[in-house]
Amino acid sequence: MTERVLNQPLSGNEMPRFGGPASFMRLPQAQELAELDVGFIGVPFDIGTSNRPGARLAPRQIRDESRMLRPYNMATRAAPFDSLQIADIGDVAINTFNLSKSIDIIEQHYQQVLAADVTPLTMGGDHTIALPILRAMKQKYGPVALVHVDAHADINEHMFGERIAHGTPFRRAVEEGLLQCDKVVQIGLRGTGYAADDFDWPRQQGFLVVTAEECWGKSLQSLMAQVRQRIGNQPLYLSFDIDGIDPAYAPGTGTVEIAGLTVPQALEIIRGCAGLNLVGADLVEVSPPYDPSGNTALLAANLLFEMLCVLPGVKRR
């Protein structure tokens, strides 16, 4: 039997990092899903934003800022490119003039990806996209567990009378039976609210809500041990809004809140998902126009690499 040749990121010793393909980690770009284990997908969508737009531009900039990433994780010893067949499988062709049509397009796209047994790692886009992705996940896995990192709970009943926007996906997900509510964890919630009980609704559904204030000044390793015990071997989706991280580190986003998580805490959360049955993940709400340095997109690229490193089947060297 012929040994499978696994894709590798284009090395900075073969092509200068400012050259080469504009793909995630300068990986091969794939049109065909057969034989792939993992696909990086862009969803250039920000029709659901309520404050600063620009997240439609994030997939392109995250890909650009991923060029410094190398194939081995020196902290965790993860070797994803020795373990799985990985490619950048391009962007979802959303309808930028129609939110509801775009939601259907995204769901159908992810149905095809999941039907091919490809694990999707998504570059958003605003957080609206989590809803159609979770709809597709339910068709394959049934209701899933969720680790949701965010400054906001995203469980609004509506926004300007609209039931689907970036502040509503997880209320709709509960209503549609997409989640195992006793296996949902929200981390980093903070800021002001429209009502005193804004964070109580998710608790009433059975979510574990961990506010940013509960995370200040400490490691989150013990929290993630609790999360692993809570979720067990259930299929898990990880949804990471970049505004969960403090704007000192990630100013390039649309709905900024002070006093958020640190970058090391973000790494602890993602690395703490190792060993769980992670079936997909997203990194959303990067808005490049609000960070000319590119550091927010650089952080997003690194977090996506960390998500890749904790997928089932990744060897450690």
C-alpha atoms as a PDB file:
ATOM      1  CA  MET A   1       0.000   0.000   0.000  1.00  0.00           C
ATOM      2  CA  THR A   2       1.385   3.402  -1.010  1.00  0.00           C
ATOM      3  CA  GLU A   3       2.035   5.713   1.922  1.00  0.00           C
ATOM      4  CA  ARG A   4      -0.029   8.875   1.766  1.00  0.00           C
ATOM      5  CA  VAL A   5       1.981  12.013   1.030  1.00  0.00           C
ATOM      6  CA  LEU A   6       0.785  14.767   3.349  1.00  0.00           C
ATOM      7  CA  ASN A   7       0.611  18.421   2.376  1.00  0.00           C
ATOM      8  CA  GLN A   8       3.161  20.706   4.003  1.00  0.00           C
ATOM      9  CA  PRO A   9       3.208  24.508   4.387  1.00  0.00           C
ATOM     10  CA  LEU A  10       5.606  26.162   1.954  1.00  0.00           C
ATOM     11  CA  SER A  11       8.824  26.688   3.910  1.00  0.00           C
ATOM     12  CA  GLY A  12      10.320  30.126   4.403  1.00  0.00           C
ATOM     13  CA  ASN A  13      13.621  28.527   3.399  1.00  0.00           C
ATOM     14  CA  GLU A  14      12.207  27.628  -0.025  1.00  0.00           C
ATOM     15  CA  MET A  15      10.284  30.825  -0.756  1.00  0.00           C
ATOM     16  CA  PRO A  16      10.526  34.149   1.098  1.00  0.00           C
ATOM     17  CA  ARG A  17       7.604  34.512   3.467  1.00  0.00           C
ATOM     18  CA  PHE A  18       6.392  37.605   1.654  1.00  0.00           C
ATOM     19  CA  GLY A  19       6.015  35.497  -1.502  1.00  0.00           C
ATOM     20  CA  GLY A  20       4.294  32.304  -2.424  1.00  0.00           C
ATOM     21  CA  PRO A  21       0.586  31.431  -2.417  1.00  0.00           C
ATOM     22  CA  ALA A  22      -1.922  33.551  -0.520  1.00  0.00           C
ATOM     23  CA  SER A  23      -3.341  30.575   1.354  1.00  0.00           C
ATOM     24  CA  PHE A  24      -3.458  29.730   5.045  1.00  0.00           C
ATOM     25  CA  MET A  25       0.115  28.932   6.101  1.00  0.00           C
ATOM     26  CA  ARG A  26       0.907  28.895   2.346  1.00  0.00           C
ATOM     27  CA  LEU A  27      -0.647  25.442   2.169  1.00  0.00           C
ATOM     28  CA  PRO A  28      -1.791  23.902  -1.099  1.00  0.00           C
ATOM     29  CA  GLN A  29      -5.206  25.099  -2.193  1.00  0.00           C
ATOM     30  CA  ALA A  30      -7.667  22.312  -2.871  1.00  0.00           C
ATOM     31  CA  GLN A  31     -10.895  22.195  -4.855  1.00  0.00           C
ATOM     32  CA  GLU A  32     -11.521  18.509  -4.261  1.00  0.00           C
ATOM     33  CA  LEU A  33     -12.378  17.338  -0.753  1.00  0.00           C
ATOM     34  CA  ALA A  34     -11.540  13.679  -1.273  1.00  0.00           C
ATOM     35  CA  GLU A  35      -8.588  12.485   0.818  1.00  0.00           C
ATOM     36  CA  LEU A  36      -8.583  15.641   2.960  1.00  0.00           C
ATOM     37  CA  ASP A  37      -8.844  15.475   6.750  1.00  0.00           C
ATOM     38  CA  VAL A  38      -8.929  19.205   7.523  1.00  0.00           C
ATOM     39  CA  GLY A  39      -9.900  22.239   5.463  1.00  0.00           C
ATOM     40  CA  PHE A  40      -9.294  25.899   6.232  1.00  0.00           C
ATOM     41  CA  ILE A  41     -12.322  27.834   4.977  1.00  0.00           C
ATOM     42  CA  GLY A  42     -12.907  31.565   4.662  1.00  0.00           C
ATOM     43  CA  VAL A  43     -16.358  33.081   5.089  1.00  0.00           C
ATOM     44  CA  PRO A  44     -16.037  36.725   3.956  1.00  0.00           C
ATOM     45  CA  PHE A  45     -19.297  37.851   5.533  1.00  0.00           C
ATOM     46  CA  ASP A  46     -20.139  40.856   7.714  1.00  0.00           C
ATOM     47  CA  ILE A  47     -23.757  41.602   6.806  1.00  0.00           C
ATOM     48  CA  GLY A  48     -24.728  40.691  10.380  1.00  0.00           C
ATOM     49  CA  THR A  49     -22.554  43.245  12.156  1.00  0.00           C
ATOM     50  CA  SER A  50     -24.133  45.883  14.392  1.00  0.00           C
ATOM     51  CA  ASN A  51     -21.270  48.347  14.906  1.00  0.00           C
ATOM     52  CA  ARG A  52     -18.027  48.480  12.913  1.00  0.00           C
ATOM     53  CA  PRO A  53     -17.986  46.453   9.678  1.00  0.00           C
ATOM     54  CA  GLY A  54     -14.963  44.945   7.935  1.00  0.00           C
ATOM     55  CA  ALA A  55     -14.972  41.282   8.963  1.00  0.00           C
ATOM     56  CA  ARG A  56     -15.600  40.357   5.314  1.00  0.00           C
ATOM     57  CA  LEU A  57     -11.958  41.297   4.748  1.00  0.00           C
ATOM     58  CA  ALA A  58     -10.622  39.044   7.511  1.00  0.00           C
ATOM     59  CA  PRO A  59     -10.065  35.728   5.683  1.00  0.00           C
ATOM     60  CA  ARG A  60      -7.734  37.387   3.193  1.00  0.00           C
ATOM     61  CA  GLN A  61      -5.692  39.187   5.863  1.00  0.00           C
ATOM     62  CA  ILE A  62      -5.583  36.202   8.223  1.00  0.00           C
ATOM     63  CA  ARG A  63      -4.160  34.130   5.372  1.00  0.00           C
ATOM     64  CA  ASP A  64      -1.575  36.830   4.717  1.00  0.00           C
ATOM     65  CA  GLU A  65      -0.545  37.073   8.375  1.00  0.00           C
ATOM     66  CA  SER A  66      -0.305  33.265   8.653  1.00  0.00           C
ATOM     67  CA  ARG A  67       2.826  33.275   6.500  1.00  0.00           C
ATOM     68  CA  MET A  68       5.115  33.303   9.544  1.00  0.00           C
ATOM     69  CA  LEU A  69       3.665  30.103  10.984  1.00  0.00           C
ATOM     70  CA  ARG A  70       5.843  27.002  10.890  1.00  0.00           C
ATOM     71  CA  PRO A  71       4.582  23.398  10.903  1.00  0.00           C
ATOM     72  CA  TYR A  72       5.553  22.309  14.445  1.00  0.00           C
ATOM     73  CA  ASN A  73       4.130  23.590  17.709  1.00  0.00           C
ATOM     74  CA  MET A  74       7.179  23.918  19.921  1.00  0.00           C
ATOM     75  CA  ALA A  75       5.168  24.338  23.140  1.00  0.00           C
ATOM     76  CA  THR A  76       2.778  21.388  22.804  1.00  0.00           C
ATOM     77  CA  ARG A  77       4.917  19.249  20.449  1.00  0.00           C
ATOM     78  CA  ALA A  78       1.930  18.929  18.106  1.00  0.00           C
ATOM     79  CA  ALA A  79       2.834  17.927  14.556  1.00  0.00           C
ATOM     80  CA  PRO A  80      -0.389  18.358  12.561  1.00  0.00           C
ATOM     81  CA  PHE A  81       1.251  18.186   9.130  1.00  0.00           C
ATOM     82  CA  ASP A  82       2.846  14.852   9.991  1.00  0.00           C
ATOM     83  CA  SER A  83      -0.558  13.558  11.025  1.00  0.00           C
ATOM     84  CA  LEU A  84      -3.369  14.774   8.771  1.00  0.00           C
ATOM     85  CA  GLN A  85      -4.001  15.823   5.185  1.00  0.00           C
ATOM     86  CA  ILE A  86      -4.664  19.553   5.383  1.00  0.00           C
ATOM     87  CA  ALA A  87      -5.406  22.180   2.734  1.00  0.00           C
ATOM     88  CA  ASP A  88      -6.889  25.626   2.272  1.00  0.00           C
ATOM     89  CA  ILE A  89     -10.207  24.975   0.535  1.00  0.00           C
ATOM     90  CA  GLY A  90     -11.036  28.581  -0.269  1.00  0.00           C
ATOM     91  CA  ASP A  91     -13.951  30.852   0.561  1.00  0.00           C
ATOM     92  CA  VAL A  92     -17.697  30.410   0.711  1.00  0.00           C
ATOM     93  CA  ALA A  93     -19.305  32.415  -2.114  1.00  0.00           C
ATOM     94  CA  ILE A  94     -21.812  34.291   0.038  1.00  0.00           C
ATOM     95  CA  ASN A  95     -24.413  36.714  -1.373  1.00  0.00           C
ATOM     96  CA  THR A  96     -23.182  40.023  -0.013  1.00  0.00           C
ATOM     97  CA  PHE A  97     -26.563  41.687  -0.726  1.00  0.00           C
ATOM     98  CA  ASN A  98     -28.757  39.158   1.085  1.00  0.00           C
ATOM     99  CA  LEU A  99     -28.214  37.879   4.629  1.00  0.00           C
ATOM    100  CA  SER A 100     -30.830  35.116   4.577  1.00  0.00           C
ATOM    101  CA  LYS A 101     -29.588  33.724   1.263  1.00  0.00           C
ATOM    102  CA  SER A 102     -26.032  33.833   2.584  1.00  0.00           C
ATOM    103  CA  ILE A 103     -27.035  31.810   5.644  1.00  0.00           C
ATOM    104  CA  ASP A 104     -28.431  29.104   3.362  1.00  0.00           C
ATOM    105  CA  ILE A 105     -25.324  29.204   1.146  1.00  0.00           C
ATOM    106  CA  ILE A 106     -23.043  28.772   4.161  1.00  0.00           C
ATOM    107  CA  GLU A 107     -25.071  25.871   5.556  1.00  0.00           C
ATOM    108  CA  GLN A 108     -25.076  24.059   2.214  1.00  0.00           C
ATOM    109  CA  HIS A 109     -21.339  24.613   1.803  1.00  0.00           C
ATOM    110  CA  TYR A 110     -20.588  23.100   5.209  1.00  0.00           C
ATOM    111  CA  GLN A 111     -22.925  20.199   4.573  1.00  0.00           C
ATOM    112  CA  GLN A 112     -20.747  19.279   1.595  1.00  0.00           C
ATOM    113  CA  VAL A 113     -17.537  19.678   3.588  1.00  0.00           C
ATOM    114  CA  LEU A 114     -18.816  17.540   6.460  1.00  0.00           C
ATOM    115  CA  ALA A 115     -20.254  14.922   4.106  1.00  0.00           C
ATOM    116  CA  ALA A 116     -16.704  14.452   2.805  1.00  0.00           C
ATOM    117  CA  ASP A 117     -15.488  13.873   6.400  1.00  0.00           C
ATOM    118  CA  VAL A 118     -13.402  17.048   6.315  1.00  0.00           C
ATOM    119  CA  THR A 119     -13.029  18.921   9.602  1.00  0.00           C
ATOM    120  CA  PRO A 120     -13.625  22.640   8.967  1.00  0.00           C
ATOM    121  CA  LEU A 121     -11.488  25.355  10.541  1.00  0.00           C
ATOM    122  CA  THR A 122     -13.144  28.634   9.662  1.00  0.00           C
ATOM    123  CA  MET A 123     -11.868  32.160   9.183  1.00  0.00           C
ATOM    124  CA  GLY A 124     -14.820  34.529   9.630  1.00  0.00           C
ATOM    125  CA  GLY A 125     -16.588  36.737   8.967  1.00  0.00           C
ATOM    126  CA  ASP A 126     -18.855  37.940  11.727  1.00  0.00           C
ATOM    127  CA  HIS A 127     -20.387  35.663  14.343  1.00  0.00           C
ATOM    128  CA  THR A 128     -23.644  35.220  12.437  1.00  0.00           C
ATOM    129  CA  ILE A 129     -21.879  32.450  10.515  1.00  0.00           C
ATOM    130  CA  ALA A 130     -21.835  30.173  13.569  1.00  0.00           C
ATOM    131  CA  LEU A 131     -25.559  29.490  13.126  1.00  0.00           C
ATOM    132  CA  PRO A 132     -25.465  27.929   9.641  1.00  0.00           C
ATOM    133  CA  ILE A 133     -22.299  26.037  10.534  1.00  0.00           C
ATOM    134  CA  LEU A 134     -23.985  24.575  13.627  1.00  0.00           C
ATOM    135  CA  ARG A 135     -27.020  23.673  11.522  1.00  0.00           C
ATOM    136  CA  ALA A 136     -24.743  21.675   9.242  1.00  0.00           C
ATOM    137  CA  MET A 137     -22.983  20.144  12.258  1.00  0.00           C
ATOM    138  CA  LYS A 138     -26.296  18.890  13.653  1.00  0.00           C
ATOM    139  CA  GLN A 139     -27.068  17.042  10.435  1.00  0.00           C
ATOM    140  CA  LYS A 140     -23.827  15.086  10.769  1.00  0.00           C
ATOM    141  CA  TYR A 141     -23.340  14.776  14.521  1.00  0.00           C
ATOM    142  CA  GLY A 142     -26.638  15.674  16.161  1.00  0.00           C
ATOM    143  CA  PRO A 143     -26.580  18.409  18.826  1.00  0.00           C
ATOM    144  CA  VAL A 144     -23.002  19.303  19.706  1.00  0.00           C
ATOM    145  CA  ALA A 145     -21.140  20.553  22.754  1.00  0.00           C
ATOM    146  CA  LEU A 146     -19.788  24.089  22.466  1.00  0.00           C
ATOM    147  CA  VAL A 147     -16.887  26.088  23.842  1.00  0.00           C
ATOM    148  CA  HIS A 148     -17.665  29.732  23.035  1.00  0.00           C
ATOM    149  CA  VAL A 149     -15.066  32.428  23.730  1.00  0.00           C
ATOM    150  CA  ASP A 150     -16.464  35.942  23.434  1.00  0.00           C
ATOM    151  CA  ALA A 151     -17.033  39.265  25.156  1.00  0.00           C
ATOM    152  CA  HIS A 152     -20.733  38.825  24.380  1.00  0.00           C
ATOM    153  CA  ALA A 153     -23.172  35.975  24.957  1.00  0.00           C
ATOM    154  CA  ASP A 154     -24.714  36.398  21.472  1.00  0.00           C
ATOM    155  CA  ILE A 155     -28.111  35.248  22.742  1.00  0.00           C
ATOM    156  CA  ASN A 156     -30.192  38.321  21.854  1.00  0.00           C
ATOM    157  CA  GLU A 157     -33.827  37.641  21.024  1.00  0.00           C
ATOM    158  CA  HIS A 158     -33.501  39.984  18.040  1.00  0.00           C
ATOM    159  CA  MET A 159     -31.478  42.919  16.723  1.00  0.00           C
ATOM    160  CA  PHE A 160     -33.524  45.704  15.125  1.00  0.00           C
ATOM    161  CA  GLY A 161     -36.304  43.153  14.864  1.00  0.00           C
ATOM    162  CA  GLU A 162     -34.123  40.682  12.956  1.00  0.00           C
ATOM    163  CA  ARG A 163     -33.800  37.172  14.346  1.00  0.00           C
ATOM    164  CA  ILE A 164     -30.493  36.413  12.616  1.00  0.00           C
ATOM    165  CA  ALA A 165     -27.496  38.688  13.180  1.00  0.00           C
ATOM    166  CA  HIS A 166     -24.145  38.449  14.921  1.00  0.00           C
ATOM    167  CA  GLY A 167     -25.706  38.939  18.348  1.00  0.00           C
ATOM    168  CA  THR A 168     -28.302  36.155  18.036  1.00  0.00           C
ATOM    169  CA  PRO A 169     -26.699  32.879  16.820  1.00  0.00           C
ATOM    170  CA  PHE A 170     -26.640  30.972  20.087  1.00  0.00           C
ATOM    171  CA  ARG A 171     -30.241  31.777  21.039  1.00  0.00           C
ATOM    172  CA  ARG A 172     -31.321  30.454  17.652  1.00  0.00           C
ATOM    173  CA  ALA A 173     -29.029  27.454  18.156  1.00  0.00           C
ATOM    174  CA  VAL A 174     -30.764  26.630  21.436  1.00  0.00           C
ATOM    175  CA  GLU A 175     -34.223  27.077  19.917  1.00  0.00           C
ATOM    176  CA  GLU A 176     -33.330  24.821  16.981  1.00  0.00           C
ATOM    177  CA  GLY A 177     -31.861  22.069  19.171  1.00  0.00           C
ATOM    178  CA  LEU A 178     -28.356  22.431  17.740  1.00  0.00           C
ATOM    179  CA  LEU A 179     -26.580  22.332  21.112  1.00  0.00           C
ATOM    180  CA  GLN A 180     -26.242  20.018  24.101  1.00  0.00           C
ATOM    181  CA  CYS A 181     -26.994  22.865  26.487  1.00  0.00           C
ATOM    182  CA  ASP A 182     -25.501  21.191  29.564  1.00  0.00           C
ATOM    183  CA  LYS A 183     -22.241  20.916  27.610  1.00  0.00           C
ATOM    184  CA  VAL A 184     -21.953  24.552  26.528  1.00  0.00           C
ATOM    185  CA  VAL A 185     -19.296  26.786  28.084  1.00  0.00           C
ATOM    186  CA  GLN A 186     -19.054  30.525  27.455  1.00  0.00           C
ATOM    187  CA  ILE A 187     -15.785  32.195  28.490  1.00  0.00           C
ATOM    188  CA  GLY A 188     -14.816  35.867  28.618  1.00  0.00           C
ATOM    189  CA  LEU A 189     -18.243  37.532  28.801  1.00  0.00           C
ATOM    190  CA  ARG A 190     -18.086  41.114  30.033  1.00  0.00           C
ATOM    191  CA  GLY A 191     -19.084  44.711  29.435  1.00  0.00           C
ATOM    192  CA  THR A 192     -22.357  46.555  29.783  1.00  0.00           C
ATOM    193  CA  GLY A 193     -25.767  45.111  29.012  1.00  0.00           C
ATOM    194  CA  TYR A 194     -29.234  45.993  27.814  1.00  0.00           C
ATOM    195  CA  ALA A 195     -30.802  44.360  30.871  1.00  0.00           C
ATOM    196  CA  ALA A 196     -29.578  43.264  34.286  1.00  0.00           C
ATOM    197  CA  ASP A 197     -30.217  39.612  33.458  1.00  0.00           C
ATOM    198  CA  ASP A 198     -28.435  39.504  30.068  1.00  0.00           C
ATOM    199  CA  PHE A 199     -26.054  36.756  31.204  1.00  0.00           C
ATOM    200  CA  ASP A 200     -28.739  34.853  33.121  1.00  0.00           C
ATOM    201  CA  TRP A 201     -30.573  33.480  30.070  1.00  0.00           C
ATOM    202  CA  PRO A 202     -27.667  31.234  29.034  1.00  0.00           C
ATOM    203  CA  ARG A 203     -27.302  30.002  32.613  1.00  0.00           C
ATOM    204  CA  GLN A 204     -31.004  29.146  32.619  1.00  0.00           C
ATOM    205  CA  GLN A 205     -30.419  26.967  29.542  1.00  0.00           C
ATOM    206  CA  GLY A 206     -27.717  25.029  31.394  1.00  0.00           C
ATOM    207  CA  PHE A 207     -24.661  26.835  30.001  1.00  0.00           C
ATOM    208  CA  LEU A 208     -21.581  27.287  32.165  1.00  0.00           C
ATOM    209  CA  VAL A 209     -20.886  31.035  31.959  1.00  0.00           C
ATOM    210  CA  VAL A 210     -17.402  32.205  32.950  1.00  0.00           C
ATOM    211  CA  THR A 211     -17.146  35.985  32.921  1.00  0.00           C
ATOM    212  CA  ALA A 212     -13.939  37.809  32.128  1.00  0.00           C
ATOM    213  CA  GLU A 213     -13.725  39.027  35.716  1.00  0.00           C
ATOM    214  CA  GLU A 214     -13.545  35.404  36.879  1.00  0.00           C
ATOM    215  CA  CYS A 215     -10.492  34.951  34.634  1.00  0.00           C
ATOM    216  CA  TRP A 216      -8.520  38.026  35.631  1.00  0.00           C
ATOM    217  CA  GLY A 217      -5.010  37.403  36.919  1.00  0.00           C
ATOM    218  CA  LYS A 218      -4.945  33.613  36.787  1.00  0.00           C
ATOM    219  CA  SER A 219      -4.276  30.597  34.665  1.00  0.00           C
ATOM    220  CA  LEU A 220      -7.268  28.941  33.002  1.00  0.00           C
ATOM    221  CA  GLN A 221      -5.807  25.437  33.080  1.00  0.00           C
ATOM    222  CA  SER A 222      -8.013  24.370  35.990  1.00  0.00           C
ATOM    223  CA  LEU A 223     -11.088  25.790  34.237  1.00  0.00           C
ATOM    224  CA  MET A 224     -10.290  23.783  31.119  1.00  0.00           C
ATOM    225  CA  ALA A 225      -9.919  20.629  33.231  1.00  0.00           C
ATOM    226  CA  GLN A 226     -13.509  21.233  34.370  1.00  0.00           C
ATOM    227  CA  VAL A 227     -14.568  21.852  30.768  1.00  0.00           C
ATOM    228  CA  ARG A 228     -13.027  18.565  29.612  1.00  0.00           C
ATOM    229  CA  GLN A 229     -14.831  16.699  32.382  1.00  0.00           C
ATOM    230  CA  ARG A 230     -18.124  18.432  31.537  1.00  0.00           C
ATOM    231  CA  ILE A 231     -17.946  17.700  27.801  1.00  0.00           C
ATOM    232  CA  GLY A 232     -16.468  14.195  27.874  1.00  0.00           C
ATOM    233  CA  ASN A 233     -16.351  12.494  24.475  1.00  0.00           C
ATOM    234  CA  GLN A 234     -19.257  14.395  22.903  1.00  0.00           C
ATOM    235  CA  PRO A 235     -18.703  16.091  19.523  1.00  0.00           C
ATOM    236  CA  LEU A 236     -17.410  19.569  20.305  1.00  0.00           C
ATOM    237  CA  TYR A 237     -17.499  22.774  18.293  1.00  0.00           C
ATOM    238  CA  LEU A 238     -15.191  25.670  19.278  1.00  0.00           C
ATOM    239  CA  SER A 239     -16.351  29.178  18.369  1.00  0.00           C
ATOM    240  CA  PHE A 240     -13.822  31.914  19.136  1.00  0.00           C
ATOM    241  CA  ASP A 241     -14.720  35.588  18.763  1.00  0.00           C
ATOM    242  CA  ILE A 242     -11.531  37.650  18.677  1.00  0.00           C
ATOM    243  CA  ASP A 243     -13.218  40.279  20.887  1.00  0.00           C
ATOM    244  CA  GLY A 244     -13.038  37.768  23.729  1.00  0.00           C
ATOM    245  CA  ILE A 245      -9.430  38.905  23.930  1.00  0.00           C
ATOM    246  CA  ASP A 246      -8.625  42.316  25.390  1.00  0.00           C
ATOM    247  CA  PRO A 247      -8.441  45.095  22.781  1.00  0.00           C
ATOM    248  CA  ALA A 248      -4.898  45.848  23.901  1.00  0.00           C
ATOM    249  CA  TYR A 249      -4.004  42.668  21.980  1.00  0.00           C
ATOM    250  CA  ALA A 250      -6.829  42.613  19.409  1.00  0.00           C
ATOM    251  CA  PRO A 251      -8.089  46.097  18.540  1.00  0.00           C
ATOM    252  CA  GLY A 252      -9.132  45.086  15.031  1.00  0.00           C
ATOM    253  CA  THR A 253     -12.705  44.028  15.728  1.00  0.00           C
ATOM    254  CA  GLY A 254     -16.169  45.467  15.467  1.00  0.00           C
ATOM    255  CA  THR A 255     -17.585  45.478  19.016  1.00  0.00           C
ATOM    256  CA  VAL A 256     -14.726  46.241  21.383  1.00  0.00           C
ATOM    257  CA  GLU A 257     -14.980  45.672  25.151  1.00  0.00           C
ATOM    258  CA  ILE A 258     -12.280  46.513  27.685  1.00  0.00           C
ATOM    259  CA  ALA A 259     -10.721  44.174  30.268  1.00  0.00           C
ATOM    260  CA  GLY A 260     -10.796  40.937  28.322  1.00  0.00           C
ATOM    261  CA  LEU A 261      -8.777  37.753  28.199  1.00  0.00           C
ATOM    262  CA  THR A 262      -5.049  37.756  27.612  1.00  0.00           C
ATOM    263  CA  VAL A 263      -3.334  35.973  24.748  1.00  0.00           C
ATOM    264  CA  PRO A 264      -1.810  33.334  27.065  1.00  0.00           C
ATOM    265  CA  GLN A 265      -5.300  32.650  28.457  1.00  0.00           C
ATOM    266  CA  ALA A 266      -6.595  32.235  24.890  1.00  0.00           C
ATOM    267  CA  LEU A 267      -3.857  29.672  24.284  1.00  0.00           C
ATOM    268  CA  GLU A 268      -4.774  27.862  27.511  1.00  0.00           C
ATOM    269  CA  ILE A 269      -8.407  27.619  26.386  1.00  0.00           C
ATOM    270  CA  ILE A 270      -7.575  26.189  22.974  1.00  0.00           C
ATOM    271  CA  ARG A 271      -4.808  23.896  24.217  1.00  0.00           C
ATOM    272  CA  GLY A 272      -7.182  22.783  26.969  1.00  0.00           C
ATOM    273  CA  CYS A 273      -9.426  21.288  24.270  1.00  0.00           C
ATOM    274  CA  ALA A 274      -6.762  18.688  23.448  1.00  0.00           C
ATOM    275  CA  GLY A 275      -8.160  15.195  23.875  1.00  0.00           C
ATOM    276  CA  LEU A 276     -11.743  16.262  23.239  1.00  0.00           C
ATOM    277  CA  ASN A 277     -13.738  15.210  20.182  1.00  0.00           C
ATOM    278  CA  LEU A 278     -13.307  18.513  18.366  1.00  0.00           C
ATOM    279  CA  VAL A 279     -15.286  18.365  15.104  1.00  0.00           C
ATOM    280  CA  GLY A 280     -14.804  21.950  13.931  1.00  0.00           C
ATOM    281  CA  ALA A 281     -13.868  25.457  14.992  1.00  0.00           C
ATOM    282  CA  ASP A 282     -14.088  29.057  13.904  1.00  0.00           C
ATOM    283  CA  LEU A 283     -12.258  32.320  14.537  1.00  0.00           C
ATOM    284  CA  VAL A 284     -14.555  35.266  13.870  1.00  0.00           C
ATOM    285  CA  GLU A 285     -14.991  39.050  14.042  1.00  0.00           C
ATOM    286  CA  VAL A 286     -11.522  40.185  12.967  1.00  0.00           C
ATOM    287  CA  SER A 287     -11.978  43.552  11.219  1.00  0.00           C
ATOM    288  CA  PRO A 288      -8.717  44.480   9.456  1.00  0.00           C
ATOM    289  CA  PRO A 289      -9.517  48.173   8.843  1.00  0.00           C
ATOM    290  CA  TYR A 290      -9.386  48.819  12.593  1.00  0.00           C
ATOM    291  CA  ASP A 291      -5.870  47.466  13.065  1.00  0.00           C
ATOM    292  CA  PRO A 292      -3.481  48.781  10.426  1.00  0.00           C
ATOM    293  CA  SER A 293      -0.602  46.924  12.116  1.00  0.00           C
ATOM    294  CA  GLY A 294      -2.123  43.567  11.181  1.00  0.00           C
ATOM    295  CA  ASN A 295      -1.526  42.264  14.709  1.00  0.00           C
ATOM    296  CA  THR A 296      -5.159  41.225  15.260  1.00  0.00           C
ATOM    297  CA  ALA A 297      -5.102  39.082  12.117  1.00  0.00           C
ATOM    298  CA  LEU A 298      -1.683  37.739  13.120  1.00  0.00           C
ATOM    299  CA  LEU A 299      -3.137  36.681  16.465  1.00  0.00           C
ATOM    300  CA  ALA A 300      -6.124  35.110  14.688  1.00  0.00           C
ATOM    301  CA  ALA A 301      -3.825  33.089  12.427  1.00  0.00           C
ATOM    302  CA  ASN A 302      -1.903  31.774  15.412  1.00  0.00           C
ATOM    303  CA  LEU A 303      -5.107  30.816  17.239  1.00  0.00           C
ATOM    304  CA  LEU A 304      -6.321  28.925  14.175  1.00  0.00           C
ATOM    305  CA  PHE A 305      -3.011  27.046  14.081  1.00  0.00           C
ATOM    306  CA  GLU A 306      -3.498  26.178  17.761  1.00  0.00           C
ATOM    307  CA  MET A 307      -6.985  24.863  16.927  1.00  0.00           C
ATOM    308  CA  LEU A 308      -5.448  22.684  14.234  1.00  0.00           C
ATOM    309  CA  CYS A 309      -2.967  21.348  16.773  1.00  0.00           C
ATOM    310  CA  VAL A 310      -5.670  20.030  19.138  1.00  0.00           C
ATOM    311  CA  LEU A 311      -7.739  18.176  16.544  1.00  0.00           C
ATOM    312  CA  PRO A 312      -8.194  14.438  17.074  1.00  0.00           C
ATOM    313  CA  GLY A 313      -5.505  12.439  15.306  1.00  0.00           C
ATOM    314  CA  VAL A 314      -2.730  15.016  15.646  1.00  0.00           C
ATOM    315  CA  LYS A 315       0.498  13.349  16.795  1.00  0.00           C
ATOM    316  CA  ARG A 316       2.892  14.871  19.289  1.00  0.00           C
ATOM    317  CA  ARG A 317       6.590  14.558  18.617  1.00  0.00           C
END
